[in-house]
Amino acid sequence: MKLASYRHGGVLHAGVVVGDPGDERVCALPPGATVLDVASAGGESAGAAASWAMTHSLPVPISEVRLLPPVRPTSIRDFVAFEEHVEGVVRSVSGGAGVPAEWYEAPAFYFGNPHSVVGANDDVEIPPGCSVFDFELEIAAVVGIPGRDVDPRRARENIVGYTILNDWSARDLQAREMKVGLGPAKGKDGSSTLGPWLVTADELEPFRDDDGYLALEMRALVNHVEVGHDLASNAAWTFEEMLAHASRGSWVGPGDVLGSGTGGNGGCLAELWGRSGVQEPPPLAAGDVVRLEVEGLGAVENRVVDRPAGAPGRAVGPARARSRARSRSEIGSVPA
């Protein structure tokens, strides 16, 4: 089942996507239903909701609606599970070489901004202060069943569906802030695309290989030219293992999003730059169109735009030198 969140005629809906690729239509679910609720219910309950939508709602062509992120994440944990991606990006972002030994020990992730998600076809602004803008080709798993210390052998039960994730990256901001030993933070804070819809986990079972990985083809195109192509099964860990790691000593809950990390072989521009030593293709600029395609999940396509002239958001200046005084008596009088 494919479930979408969308706006049509000024009204927010959740719906069931039907039709063949390129000719999709969406049928609205009962009022008040959400994609996450229906996907999490599963089984007969989800089937009943879908049947209601297809018998009580007129199908609307996807081209006539604005697709929204299928879920509003409660949190985003974005992993870095593709070794080939790490090899290239380490060179490009930090100037290092090779994959850190610590990467092999456990699946690493950072927390993204759940408030900055955009839909499958929304415009994406270049972040303020950024001159090296990049995309990232990822798959995201959506948690529907809460858990803590989840056994990786049972973790599949907690995942209710999958969607495409584009973890947009300000590489120059990212490189600077990660030298402090934190982040990425503002380098990843501007936008993340989720979409075009949520595909329930059962639909992707035929794509599993013998090791339990989802062997989905992933492609990235910039201005209609393919720059990246990989298999999702090249990740070093399965989504079940990533979820188990995320839940170790911690809770995961409904609406949590787990990003796979960026695919290799051109899953982002920074990987290509790290391998060649030159920024070719060049960083994204206003007017560029980035399209990500994942087998079984569909495609998202976003246009890069400049921030509006005069938009607020003043940069904070550099650190000020301080005295390191230990008491107020050392710094003189304090205004009343």
C-alpha atoms as a PDB file:
ATOM      1  CA  MET A   1       0.000   0.000   0.000  1.00  0.00           C
ATOM      2  CA  LYS A   2       1.164   3.528  -0.813  1.00  0.00           C
ATOM      3  CA  LEU A   3      -0.041   6.262   1.529  1.00  0.00           C
ATOM      4  CA  ALA A   4       0.337   9.978   0.884  1.00  0.00           C
ATOM      5  CA  SER A   5      -0.188  13.222   2.770  1.00  0.00           C
ATOM      6  CA  TYR A   6      -1.272  15.987   0.427  1.00  0.00           C
ATOM      7  CA  ARG A   7      -3.115  19.255   0.008  1.00  0.00           C
ATOM      8  CA  HIS A   8      -5.923  19.552  -2.527  1.00  0.00           C
ATOM      9  CA  GLY A   9      -8.302  22.444  -2.930  1.00  0.00           C
ATOM     10  CA  GLY A  10      -6.748  24.064   0.127  1.00  0.00           C
ATOM     11  CA  VAL A  11      -7.603  21.054   2.322  1.00  0.00           C
ATOM     12  CA  LEU A  12      -5.125  18.697   3.979  1.00  0.00           C
ATOM     13  CA  HIS A  13      -5.738  14.992   3.327  1.00  0.00           C
ATOM     14  CA  ALA A  14      -4.212  11.584   3.837  1.00  0.00           C
ATOM     15  CA  GLY A  15      -4.892   9.157   1.035  1.00  0.00           C
ATOM     16  CA  VAL A  16      -4.196   5.885  -0.726  1.00  0.00           C
ATOM     17  CA  VAL A  17      -2.170   6.075  -3.944  1.00  0.00           C
ATOM     18  CA  VAL A  18      -3.421   3.893  -6.786  1.00  0.00           C
ATOM     19  CA  GLY A  19      -2.517   3.458 -10.445  1.00  0.00           C
ATOM     20  CA  ASP A  20       0.590   2.619 -12.407  1.00  0.00           C
ATOM     21  CA  PRO A  21       3.860   4.589 -12.175  1.00  0.00           C
ATOM     22  CA  GLY A  22       3.427   7.833 -14.079  1.00  0.00           C
ATOM     23  CA  ASP A  23      -0.365   7.620 -13.811  1.00  0.00           C
ATOM     24  CA  GLU A  24      -0.845   7.676 -10.048  1.00  0.00           C
ATOM     25  CA  ARG A  25      -4.016   8.958  -8.429  1.00  0.00           C
ATOM     26  CA  VAL A  26      -4.860   9.428  -4.791  1.00  0.00           C
ATOM     27  CA  CYS A  27      -8.081   8.591  -2.926  1.00  0.00           C
ATOM     28  CA  ALA A  28      -8.713  10.420   0.329  1.00  0.00           C
ATOM     29  CA  LEU A  29      -8.883   8.401   3.539  1.00  0.00           C
ATOM     30  CA  PRO A  30     -11.628   9.070   6.116  1.00  0.00           C
ATOM     31  CA  PRO A  31     -11.434  12.550   7.682  1.00  0.00           C
ATOM     32  CA  GLY A  32      -8.954  12.648  10.554  1.00  0.00           C
ATOM     33  CA  ALA A  33      -6.990   9.624   9.358  1.00  0.00           C
ATOM     34  CA  THR A  34      -3.219  10.016   9.049  1.00  0.00           C
ATOM     35  CA  VAL A  35      -0.674   8.083   7.050  1.00  0.00           C
ATOM     36  CA  LEU A  36       1.106   6.986  10.216  1.00  0.00           C
ATOM     37  CA  ASP A  37      -2.123   5.815  11.898  1.00  0.00           C
ATOM     38  CA  VAL A  38      -3.165   3.686   8.936  1.00  0.00           C
ATOM     39  CA  ALA A  39       0.303   2.240   8.320  1.00  0.00           C
ATOM     40  CA  SER A  40       0.750   1.424  12.012  1.00  0.00           C
ATOM     41  CA  ALA A  41      -2.649  -0.259  12.257  1.00  0.00           C
ATOM     42  CA  GLY A  42      -1.679  -2.691   9.514  1.00  0.00           C
ATOM     43  CA  GLY A  43      -3.556  -5.827   8.550  1.00  0.00           C
ATOM     44  CA  GLU A  44      -7.344  -5.719   8.325  1.00  0.00           C
ATOM     45  CA  SER A  45      -7.612  -2.225   9.815  1.00  0.00           C
ATOM     46  CA  ALA A  46      -5.355  -0.702   7.173  1.00  0.00           C
ATOM     47  CA  GLY A  47      -7.104  -2.676   4.458  1.00  0.00           C
ATOM     48  CA  ALA A  48     -10.496  -1.449   5.621  1.00  0.00           C
ATOM     49  CA  ALA A  49      -9.320   2.163   5.570  1.00  0.00           C
ATOM     50  CA  ALA A  50      -7.943   1.729   2.055  1.00  0.00           C
ATOM     51  CA  SER A  51     -11.176   0.104   0.865  1.00  0.00           C
ATOM     52  CA  TRP A  52     -13.176   2.996   2.312  1.00  0.00           C
ATOM     53  CA  ALA A  53     -10.977   5.494   0.462  1.00  0.00           C
ATOM     54  CA  MET A  54     -11.294   3.740  -2.879  1.00  0.00           C
ATOM     55  CA  THR A  55     -15.096   3.389  -2.627  1.00  0.00           C
ATOM     56  CA  HIS A  56     -15.998   6.748  -1.032  1.00  0.00           C
ATOM     57  CA  SER A  57     -13.438   9.152  -2.578  1.00  0.00           C
ATOM     58  CA  LEU A  58     -12.993  10.288  -6.143  1.00  0.00           C
ATOM     59  CA  PRO A  59      -9.447   9.536  -7.333  1.00  0.00           C
ATOM     60  CA  VAL A  60      -7.471  12.732  -7.952  1.00  0.00           C
ATOM     61  CA  PRO A  61      -4.432  12.742 -10.269  1.00  0.00           C
ATOM     62  CA  ILE A  62      -1.200  13.225  -8.361  1.00  0.00           C
ATOM     63  CA  SER A  63      -0.366  16.096 -10.710  1.00  0.00           C
ATOM     64  CA  GLU A  64      -3.287  18.067  -9.257  1.00  0.00           C
ATOM     65  CA  VAL A  65      -2.241  17.883  -5.603  1.00  0.00           C
ATOM     66  CA  ARG A  66       0.657  19.198  -3.564  1.00  0.00           C
ATOM     67  CA  LEU A  67       2.434  16.252  -2.010  1.00  0.00           C
ATOM     68  CA  LEU A  68       3.511  16.872   1.584  1.00  0.00           C
ATOM     69  CA  PRO A  69       5.953  14.779   3.614  1.00  0.00           C
ATOM     70  CA  PRO A  70       4.032  11.525   4.181  1.00  0.00           C
ATOM     71  CA  VAL A  71       4.714  11.779   7.926  1.00  0.00           C
ATOM     72  CA  ARG A  72       5.757  14.638  10.168  1.00  0.00           C
ATOM     73  CA  PRO A  73       8.740  13.080  11.929  1.00  0.00           C
ATOM     74  CA  THR A  74       8.926  13.081  15.697  1.00  0.00           C
ATOM     75  CA  SER A  75      12.695  12.679  15.277  1.00  0.00           C
ATOM     76  CA  ILE A  76      15.181  12.044  12.472  1.00  0.00           C
ATOM     77  CA  ARG A  77      18.153   9.775  13.035  1.00  0.00           C
ATOM     78  CA  ASP A  78      20.250   9.849   9.896  1.00  0.00           C
ATOM     79  CA  PHE A  79      22.785   7.037   9.638  1.00  0.00           C
ATOM     80  CA  VAL A  80      25.867   6.739   7.443  1.00  0.00           C
ATOM     81  CA  ALA A  81      25.708   3.117   6.350  1.00  0.00           C
ATOM     82  CA  PHE A  82      27.443   3.107   2.938  1.00  0.00           C
ATOM     83  CA  GLU A  83      31.223   2.597   3.076  1.00  0.00           C
ATOM     84  CA  GLU A  84      31.756   3.924  -0.459  1.00  0.00           C
ATOM     85  CA  HIS A  85      30.041   7.194   0.465  1.00  0.00           C
ATOM     86  CA  VAL A  86      32.222   7.603   3.555  1.00  0.00           C
ATOM     87  CA  GLU A  87      35.408   7.055   1.544  1.00  0.00           C
ATOM     88  CA  GLY A  88      34.642   9.940  -0.782  1.00  0.00           C
ATOM     89  CA  VAL A  89      33.068  12.369   1.667  1.00  0.00           C
ATOM     90  CA  VAL A  90      35.883  12.106   4.230  1.00  0.00           C
ATOM     91  CA  ARG A  91      38.267  13.418   1.597  1.00  0.00           C
ATOM     92  CA  SER A  92      35.887  16.128   0.433  1.00  0.00           C
ATOM     93  CA  VAL A  93      34.594  17.498   3.737  1.00  0.00           C
ATOM     94  CA  SER A  94      37.482  16.973   6.177  1.00  0.00           C
ATOM     95  CA  GLY A  95      40.473  16.478   3.885  1.00  0.00           C
ATOM     96  CA  GLY A  96      41.192  13.087   5.422  1.00  0.00           C
ATOM     97  CA  ALA A  97      41.690   9.749   3.717  1.00  0.00           C
ATOM     98  CA  GLY A  98      40.108   6.356   4.195  1.00  0.00           C
ATOM     99  CA  VAL A  99      37.251   5.296   6.444  1.00  0.00           C
ATOM    100  CA  PRO A 100      37.656   5.868  10.204  1.00  0.00           C
ATOM    101  CA  ALA A 101      38.120   2.580  12.058  1.00  0.00           C
ATOM    102  CA  GLU A 102      35.284   3.549  14.401  1.00  0.00           C
ATOM    103  CA  TRP A 103      32.825   3.523  11.499  1.00  0.00           C
ATOM    104  CA  TYR A 104      33.089  -0.273  11.275  1.00  0.00           C
ATOM    105  CA  GLU A 105      32.264  -0.811  14.951  1.00  0.00           C
ATOM    106  CA  ALA A 106      28.615   0.283  14.990  1.00  0.00           C
ATOM    107  CA  PRO A 107      26.149   2.203  12.806  1.00  0.00           C
ATOM    108  CA  ALA A 108      26.706   5.924  13.418  1.00  0.00           C
ATOM    109  CA  PHE A 109      24.005   8.577  13.075  1.00  0.00           C
ATOM    110  CA  TYR A 110      23.278  12.228  13.741  1.00  0.00           C
ATOM    111  CA  PHE A 111      19.977  13.835  14.746  1.00  0.00           C
ATOM    112  CA  GLY A 112      18.347  15.885  12.000  1.00  0.00           C
ATOM    113  CA  ASN A 113      15.754  18.624  12.230  1.00  0.00           C
ATOM    114  CA  PRO A 114      12.200  17.192  12.118  1.00  0.00           C
ATOM    115  CA  HIS A 115      10.771  20.686  11.592  1.00  0.00           C
ATOM    116  CA  SER A 116      12.559  21.295   8.292  1.00  0.00           C
ATOM    117  CA  VAL A 117      11.061  18.489   6.168  1.00  0.00           C
ATOM    118  CA  VAL A 118       9.580  19.397   2.795  1.00  0.00           C
ATOM    119  CA  GLY A 119       7.524  17.526   0.240  1.00  0.00           C
ATOM    120  CA  ALA A 120       8.462  15.605  -2.875  1.00  0.00           C
ATOM    121  CA  ASN A 121       8.193  18.552  -5.280  1.00  0.00           C
ATOM    122  CA  ASP A 122       8.710  21.583  -3.034  1.00  0.00           C
ATOM    123  CA  ASP A 123      11.371  24.172  -3.778  1.00  0.00           C
ATOM    124  CA  VAL A 124      14.452  23.993  -1.541  1.00  0.00           C
ATOM    125  CA  GLU A 125      16.276  27.133  -0.439  1.00  0.00           C
ATOM    126  CA  ILE A 126      20.051  27.355  -0.327  1.00  0.00           C
ATOM    127  CA  PRO A 127      20.864  27.929   3.369  1.00  0.00           C
ATOM    128  CA  PRO A 128      22.178  31.360   4.384  1.00  0.00           C
ATOM    129  CA  GLY A 129      25.954  31.592   4.180  1.00  0.00           C
ATOM    130  CA  CYS A 130      26.244  28.461   2.037  1.00  0.00           C
ATOM    131  CA  SER A 131      28.144  28.403  -1.250  1.00  0.00           C
ATOM    132  CA  VAL A 132      28.700  24.617  -1.504  1.00  0.00           C
ATOM    133  CA  PHE A 133      25.219  23.075  -1.578  1.00  0.00           C
ATOM    134  CA  ASP A 134      24.653  19.361  -2.080  1.00  0.00           C
ATOM    135  CA  PHE A 135      21.958  16.665  -2.142  1.00  0.00           C
ATOM    136  CA  GLU A 136      22.032  13.182  -0.583  1.00  0.00           C
ATOM    137  CA  LEU A 137      20.288  10.097  -1.966  1.00  0.00           C
ATOM    138  CA  GLU A 138      18.812   8.067   0.893  1.00  0.00           C
ATOM    139  CA  ILE A 139      16.009   5.747   1.927  1.00  0.00           C
ATOM    140  CA  ALA A 140      14.155   6.296   5.185  1.00  0.00           C
ATOM    141  CA  ALA A 141      12.395   3.770   7.390  1.00  0.00           C
ATOM    142  CA  VAL A 142       9.474   5.011   9.488  1.00  0.00           C
ATOM    143  CA  VAL A 143       8.854   3.587  12.947  1.00  0.00           C
ATOM    144  CA  GLY A 144       5.241   2.842  13.849  1.00  0.00           C
ATOM    145  CA  ILE A 145       5.577   0.623  16.909  1.00  0.00           C
ATOM    146  CA  PRO A 146       7.477   1.978  19.944  1.00  0.00           C
ATOM    147  CA  GLY A 147      10.332   0.027  21.458  1.00  0.00           C
ATOM    148  CA  ARG A 148      13.413   0.094  23.643  1.00  0.00           C
ATOM    149  CA  ASP A 149      16.364  -2.304  23.442  1.00  0.00           C
ATOM    150  CA  VAL A 150      14.739  -3.846  20.367  1.00  0.00           C
ATOM    151  CA  ASP A 151      16.156  -7.196  19.271  1.00  0.00           C
ATOM    152  CA  PRO A 152      17.439  -6.827  15.684  1.00  0.00           C
ATOM    153  CA  ARG A 153      15.786 -10.155  14.885  1.00  0.00           C
ATOM    154  CA  ARG A 154      12.396  -8.618  15.796  1.00  0.00           C
ATOM    155  CA  ALA A 155      12.987  -5.023  14.712  1.00  0.00           C
ATOM    156  CA  ARG A 156      11.177  -5.477  11.407  1.00  0.00           C
ATOM    157  CA  GLU A 157       7.928  -5.468  13.396  1.00  0.00           C
ATOM    158  CA  ASN A 158       8.551  -1.867  14.489  1.00  0.00           C
ATOM    159  CA  ILE A 159       8.999  -0.497  10.952  1.00  0.00           C
ATOM    160  CA  VAL A 160       5.733   0.280   9.163  1.00  0.00           C
ATOM    161  CA  GLY A 161       7.007   1.727   5.908  1.00  0.00           C
ATOM    162  CA  TYR A 162       9.675   3.344   3.794  1.00  0.00           C
ATOM    163  CA  THR A 163      10.082   6.537   1.807  1.00  0.00           C
ATOM    164  CA  ILE A 164      12.790   8.525  -0.010  1.00  0.00           C
ATOM    165  CA  LEU A 165      14.949  10.958   1.958  1.00  0.00           C
ATOM    166  CA  ASN A 166      17.068  13.761   0.519  1.00  0.00           C
ATOM    167  CA  ASP A 167      19.322  15.036   3.288  1.00  0.00           C
ATOM    168  CA  TRP A 168      20.277  18.413   1.764  1.00  0.00           C
ATOM    169  CA  SER A 169      23.737  19.503   2.898  1.00  0.00           C
ATOM    170  CA  ALA A 170      25.609  22.806   3.149  1.00  0.00           C
ATOM    171  CA  ARG A 171      29.065  21.289   2.769  1.00  0.00           C
ATOM    172  CA  ASP A 172      31.056  24.431   3.588  1.00  0.00           C
ATOM    173  CA  LEU A 173      29.110  25.007   6.821  1.00  0.00           C
ATOM    174  CA  GLN A 174      29.364  21.310   7.668  1.00  0.00           C
ATOM    175  CA  ALA A 175      33.150  21.214   7.169  1.00  0.00           C
ATOM    176  CA  ARG A 176      33.693  24.208   9.439  1.00  0.00           C
ATOM    177  CA  GLU A 177      31.490  23.139  12.318  1.00  0.00           C
ATOM    178  CA  MET A 178      32.684  19.506  12.375  1.00  0.00           C
ATOM    179  CA  LYS A 179      36.212  20.697  13.128  1.00  0.00           C
ATOM    180  CA  VAL A 180      34.854  21.532  16.597  1.00  0.00           C
ATOM    181  CA  GLY A 181      34.033  17.853  17.106  1.00  0.00           C
ATOM    182  CA  LEU A 182      30.275  18.336  16.894  1.00  0.00           C
ATOM    183  CA  GLY A 183      27.714  18.189  14.158  1.00  0.00           C
ATOM    184  CA  PRO A 184      26.771  18.195  11.459  1.00  0.00           C
ATOM    185  CA  ALA A 185      24.375  20.885  12.687  1.00  0.00           C
ATOM    186  CA  LYS A 186      23.687  23.994  10.584  1.00  0.00           C
ATOM    187  CA  GLY A 187      25.245  22.169   7.671  1.00  0.00           C
ATOM    188  CA  LYS A 188      22.173  19.895   7.669  1.00  0.00           C
ATOM    189  CA  ASP A 189      19.556  22.140   9.247  1.00  0.00           C
ATOM    190  CA  GLY A 190      17.849  23.783   6.292  1.00  0.00           C
ATOM    191  CA  SER A 191      15.747  21.144   4.510  1.00  0.00           C
ATOM    192  CA  SER A 192      15.148  17.417   4.220  1.00  0.00           C
ATOM    193  CA  THR A 193      12.867  16.022   1.550  1.00  0.00           C
ATOM    194  CA  LEU A 194      10.589  13.104   2.456  1.00  0.00           C
ATOM    195  CA  GLY A 195       8.353  11.514  -0.134  1.00  0.00           C
ATOM    196  CA  PRO A 196       6.680  11.052  -2.402  1.00  0.00           C
ATOM    197  CA  TRP A 197       4.625   8.751  -0.168  1.00  0.00           C
ATOM    198  CA  LEU A 198       5.027   6.036   2.435  1.00  0.00           C
ATOM    199  CA  VAL A 199       5.220   2.507   1.029  1.00  0.00           C
ATOM    200  CA  THR A 200       4.119  -0.009   3.628  1.00  0.00           C
ATOM    201  CA  ALA A 201       6.747  -2.527   4.612  1.00  0.00           C
ATOM    202  CA  ASP A 202       4.896  -5.531   3.188  1.00  0.00           C
ATOM    203  CA  GLU A 203       5.140  -4.133  -0.363  1.00  0.00           C
ATOM    204  CA  LEU A 204       8.930  -4.224  -0.280  1.00  0.00           C
ATOM    205  CA  GLU A 205       9.361  -7.789   0.979  1.00  0.00           C
ATOM    206  CA  PRO A 206       9.839  -9.151  -2.593  1.00  0.00           C
ATOM    207  CA  PHE A 207      12.967  -6.971  -2.893  1.00  0.00           C
ATOM    208  CA  ARG A 208      14.797  -8.576   0.045  1.00  0.00           C
ATOM    209  CA  ASP A 209      17.976 -10.486  -0.713  1.00  0.00           C
ATOM    210  CA  ASP A 210      19.182 -13.596   1.085  1.00  0.00           C
ATOM    211  CA  ASP A 211      20.858 -11.503   3.794  1.00  0.00           C
ATOM    212  CA  GLY A 212      17.688  -9.572   4.602  1.00  0.00           C
ATOM    213  CA  TYR A 213      18.683  -6.341   2.854  1.00  0.00           C
ATOM    214  CA  LEU A 214      16.308  -4.387   0.637  1.00  0.00           C
ATOM    215  CA  ALA A 215      18.006  -4.619  -2.775  1.00  0.00           C
ATOM    216  CA  LEU A 216      16.436  -1.469  -4.249  1.00  0.00           C
ATOM    217  CA  GLU A 217      18.047   0.445  -7.106  1.00  0.00           C
ATOM    218  CA  MET A 218      18.757   4.094  -6.226  1.00  0.00           C
ATOM    219  CA  ARG A 219      19.435   6.853  -8.759  1.00  0.00           C
ATOM    220  CA  ALA A 220      20.278  10.547  -8.527  1.00  0.00           C
ATOM    221  CA  LEU A 221      19.904  13.011 -11.386  1.00  0.00           C
ATOM    222  CA  VAL A 222      20.848  16.689 -11.545  1.00  0.00           C
ATOM    223  CA  ASN A 223      19.182  18.641 -14.338  1.00  0.00           C
ATOM    224  CA  HIS A 224      18.120  15.329 -15.920  1.00  0.00           C
ATOM    225  CA  VAL A 225      21.686  13.956 -16.019  1.00  0.00           C
ATOM    226  CA  GLU A 226      22.376  10.853 -13.926  1.00  0.00           C
ATOM    227  CA  VAL A 227      25.205  11.421 -11.457  1.00  0.00           C
ATOM    228  CA  GLY A 228      24.665   8.519  -9.044  1.00  0.00           C
ATOM    229  CA  HIS A 229      23.440   4.908  -9.064  1.00  0.00           C
ATOM    230  CA  ASP A 230      23.651   2.344  -6.276  1.00  0.00           C
ATOM    231  CA  LEU A 231      21.881  -0.593  -4.638  1.00  0.00           C
ATOM    232  CA  ALA A 232      20.392  -0.081  -1.193  1.00  0.00           C
ATOM    233  CA  SER A 233      21.704  -3.519  -0.221  1.00  0.00           C
ATOM    234  CA  ASN A 234      25.266  -2.122  -0.343  1.00  0.00           C
ATOM    235  CA  ALA A 235      24.659  -0.609   3.087  1.00  0.00           C
ATOM    236  CA  ALA A 236      26.771  -2.184   5.822  1.00  0.00           C
ATOM    237  CA  TRP A 237      23.790  -2.593   8.159  1.00  0.00           C
ATOM    238  CA  THR A 238      20.114  -3.425   7.617  1.00  0.00           C
ATOM    239  CA  PHE A 239      17.397  -1.071   8.792  1.00  0.00           C
ATOM    240  CA  GLU A 240      16.576  -3.614  11.479  1.00  0.00           C
ATOM    241  CA  GLU A 241      20.131  -3.370  12.815  1.00  0.00           C
ATOM    242  CA  MET A 242      20.047   0.422  12.637  1.00  0.00           C
ATOM    243  CA  LEU A 243      16.780   0.494  14.584  1.00  0.00           C
ATOM    244  CA  ALA A 244      18.160  -1.911  17.183  1.00  0.00           C
ATOM    245  CA  HIS A 245      21.203   0.329  17.630  1.00  0.00           C
ATOM    246  CA  ALA A 246      19.039   3.455  17.900  1.00  0.00           C
ATOM    247  CA  SER A 247      16.881   1.788  20.575  1.00  0.00           C
ATOM    248  CA  ARG A 248      19.778   0.511  22.660  1.00  0.00           C
ATOM    249  CA  GLY A 249      19.190   2.092  26.085  1.00  0.00           C
ATOM    250  CA  SER A 250      16.760   4.521  24.452  1.00  0.00           C
ATOM    251  CA  TRP A 251      13.224   4.692  23.128  1.00  0.00           C
ATOM    252  CA  VAL A 252      12.149   4.852  19.511  1.00  0.00           C
ATOM    253  CA  GLY A 253       8.547   5.765  18.870  1.00  0.00           C
ATOM    254  CA  PRO A 254       5.847   6.262  16.250  1.00  0.00           C
ATOM    255  CA  GLY A 255       6.889   8.803  13.658  1.00  0.00           C
ATOM    256  CA  ASP A 256      10.629   8.415  14.218  1.00  0.00           C
ATOM    257  CA  VAL A 257      12.502   8.412  10.909  1.00  0.00           C
ATOM    258  CA  LEU A 258      15.704   6.418  10.320  1.00  0.00           C
ATOM    259  CA  GLY A 259      17.746   7.498   7.301  1.00  0.00           C
ATOM    260  CA  SER A 260      19.935   4.913   5.602  1.00  0.00           C
ATOM    261  CA  GLY A 261      22.695   7.364   4.905  1.00  0.00           C
ATOM    262  CA  THR A 262      23.756   8.322   1.415  1.00  0.00           C
ATOM    263  CA  GLY A 263      24.227   5.683  -1.228  1.00  0.00           C
ATOM    264  CA  GLY A 264      27.619   5.278  -2.842  1.00  0.00           C
ATOM    265  CA  ASN A 265      28.718   5.774  -6.451  1.00  0.00           C
ATOM    266  CA  GLY A 266      27.523   9.364  -6.698  1.00  0.00           C
ATOM    267  CA  GLY A 267      24.819   9.397  -4.051  1.00  0.00           C
ATOM    268  CA  CYS A 268      25.934  12.970  -3.402  1.00  0.00           C
ATOM    269  CA  LEU A 269      28.247  15.459  -5.091  1.00  0.00           C
ATOM    270  CA  ALA A 270      30.716  15.595  -2.192  1.00  0.00           C
ATOM    271  CA  GLU A 271      31.603  11.925  -2.695  1.00  0.00           C
ATOM    272  CA  LEU A 272      32.447  12.610  -6.334  1.00  0.00           C
ATOM    273  CA  TRP A 273      34.506  15.674  -5.372  1.00  0.00           C
ATOM    274  CA  GLY A 274      36.457  13.641  -2.820  1.00  0.00           C
ATOM    275  CA  ARG A 275      37.362  11.013  -5.408  1.00  0.00           C
ATOM    276  CA  SER A 276      38.351  13.392  -8.218  1.00  0.00           C
ATOM    277  CA  GLY A 277      39.780  16.262  -6.182  1.00  0.00           C
ATOM    278  CA  VAL A 278      37.712  18.816  -8.131  1.00  0.00           C
ATOM    279  CA  GLN A 279      34.187  20.120  -7.654  1.00  0.00           C
ATOM    280  CA  GLU A 280      32.751  18.549 -10.769  1.00  0.00           C
ATOM    281  CA  PRO A 281      29.790  18.430 -11.146  1.00  0.00           C
ATOM    282  CA  PRO A 282      29.695  21.849  -9.444  1.00  0.00           C
ATOM    283  CA  PRO A 283      27.818  22.616  -6.229  1.00  0.00           C
ATOM    284  CA  LEU A 284      24.091  23.080  -6.620  1.00  0.00           C
ATOM    285  CA  ALA A 285      22.902  26.539  -7.607  1.00  0.00           C
ATOM    286  CA  ALA A 286      19.544  28.254  -7.904  1.00  0.00           C
ATOM    287  CA  GLY A 287      17.587  26.760 -10.783  1.00  0.00           C
ATOM    288  CA  ASP A 288      19.106  23.288 -10.531  1.00  0.00           C
ATOM    289  CA  VAL A 289      16.634  20.406 -10.348  1.00  0.00           C
ATOM    290  CA  VAL A 290      17.517  17.324  -8.304  1.00  0.00           C
ATOM    291  CA  ARG A 291      15.589  14.112  -8.889  1.00  0.00           C
ATOM    292  CA  LEU A 292      16.025  11.022  -6.717  1.00  0.00           C
ATOM    293  CA  GLU A 293      14.520   7.702  -7.786  1.00  0.00           C
ATOM    294  CA  VAL A 294      14.287   4.547  -5.697  1.00  0.00           C
ATOM    295  CA  GLU A 295      12.881   1.291  -7.016  1.00  0.00           C
ATOM    296  CA  GLY A 296       9.567   0.486  -5.359  1.00  0.00           C
ATOM    297  CA  LEU A 297       9.353   3.887  -3.661  1.00  0.00           C
ATOM    298  CA  GLY A 298       8.933   6.310  -6.555  1.00  0.00           C
ATOM    299  CA  ALA A 299      10.726   9.613  -7.077  1.00  0.00           C
ATOM    300  CA  VAL A 300      11.137  13.067  -5.557  1.00  0.00           C
ATOM    301  CA  GLU A 301      12.123  16.097  -7.599  1.00  0.00           C
ATOM    302  CA  ASN A 302      13.018  19.446  -6.030  1.00  0.00           C
ATOM    303  CA  ARG A 303      14.153  22.730  -7.547  1.00  0.00           C
ATOM    304  CA  VAL A 304      16.924  24.634  -5.771  1.00  0.00           C
ATOM    305  CA  VAL A 305      16.156  28.326  -5.156  1.00  0.00           C
ATOM    306  CA  ASP A 306      17.870  31.291  -3.539  1.00  0.00           C
ATOM    307  CA  ARG A 307      16.616  32.667  -0.246  1.00  0.00           C
ATOM    308  CA  PRO A 308      14.271  35.628  -0.734  1.00  0.00           C
ATOM    309  CA  ALA A 309      16.054  38.974  -0.805  1.00  0.00           C
ATOM    310  CA  GLY A 310      15.985  40.601   2.617  1.00  0.00           C
ATOM    311  CA  ALA A 311      15.015  37.374   4.430  1.00  0.00           C
ATOM    312  CA  PRO A 312      15.698  37.587   8.177  1.00  0.00           C
ATOM    313  CA  GLY A 313      18.409  35.514   9.791  1.00  0.00           C
ATOM    314  CA  ARG A 314      21.385  37.581  10.842  1.00  0.00           C
ATOM    315  CA  ALA A 315      24.680  35.759  11.226  1.00  0.00           C
ATOM    316  CA  VAL A 316      26.108  35.615  14.759  1.00  0.00           C
ATOM    317  CA  GLY A 317      29.585  37.127  14.956  1.00  0.00           C
ATOM    318  CA  PRO A 318      32.787  35.423  16.131  1.00  0.00           C
ATOM    319  CA  ALA A 319      33.519  34.562  19.758  1.00  0.00           C
ATOM    320  CA  ARG A 320      34.585  37.423  22.016  1.00  0.00           C
ATOM    321  CA  ALA A 321      37.653  37.186  24.242  1.00  0.00           C
ATOM    322  CA  ARG A 322      36.643  36.772  27.893  1.00  0.00           C
ATOM    323  CA  SER A 323      38.586  37.280  31.138  1.00  0.00           C
ATOM    324  CA  ARG A 324      37.874  33.884  32.745  1.00  0.00           C
ATOM    325  CA  ALA A 325      37.116  35.644  36.010  1.00  0.00           C
ATOM    326  CA  ARG A 326      35.896  33.351  38.766  1.00  0.00           C
ATOM    327  CA  SER A 327      33.936  35.883  40.828  1.00  0.00           C
ATOM    328  CA  ARG A 328      32.095  39.150  40.240  1.00  0.00           C
ATOM    329  CA  SER A 329      34.674  41.027  42.383  1.00  0.00           C
ATOM    330  CA  GLU A 330      37.243  40.351  39.673  1.00  0.00           C
ATOM    331  CA  ILE A 331      35.216  42.042  36.925  1.00  0.00           C
ATOM    332  CA  GLY A 332      34.218  45.267  38.728  1.00  0.00           C
ATOM    333  CA  SER A 333      30.740  46.628  39.335  1.00  0.00           C
ATOM    334  CA  VAL A 334      27.641  44.925  38.001  1.00  0.00           C
ATOM    335  CA  PRO A 335      24.691  47.175  36.992  1.00  0.00           C
ATOM    336  CA  ALA A 336      21.744  47.000  39.393  1.00  0.00           C
END
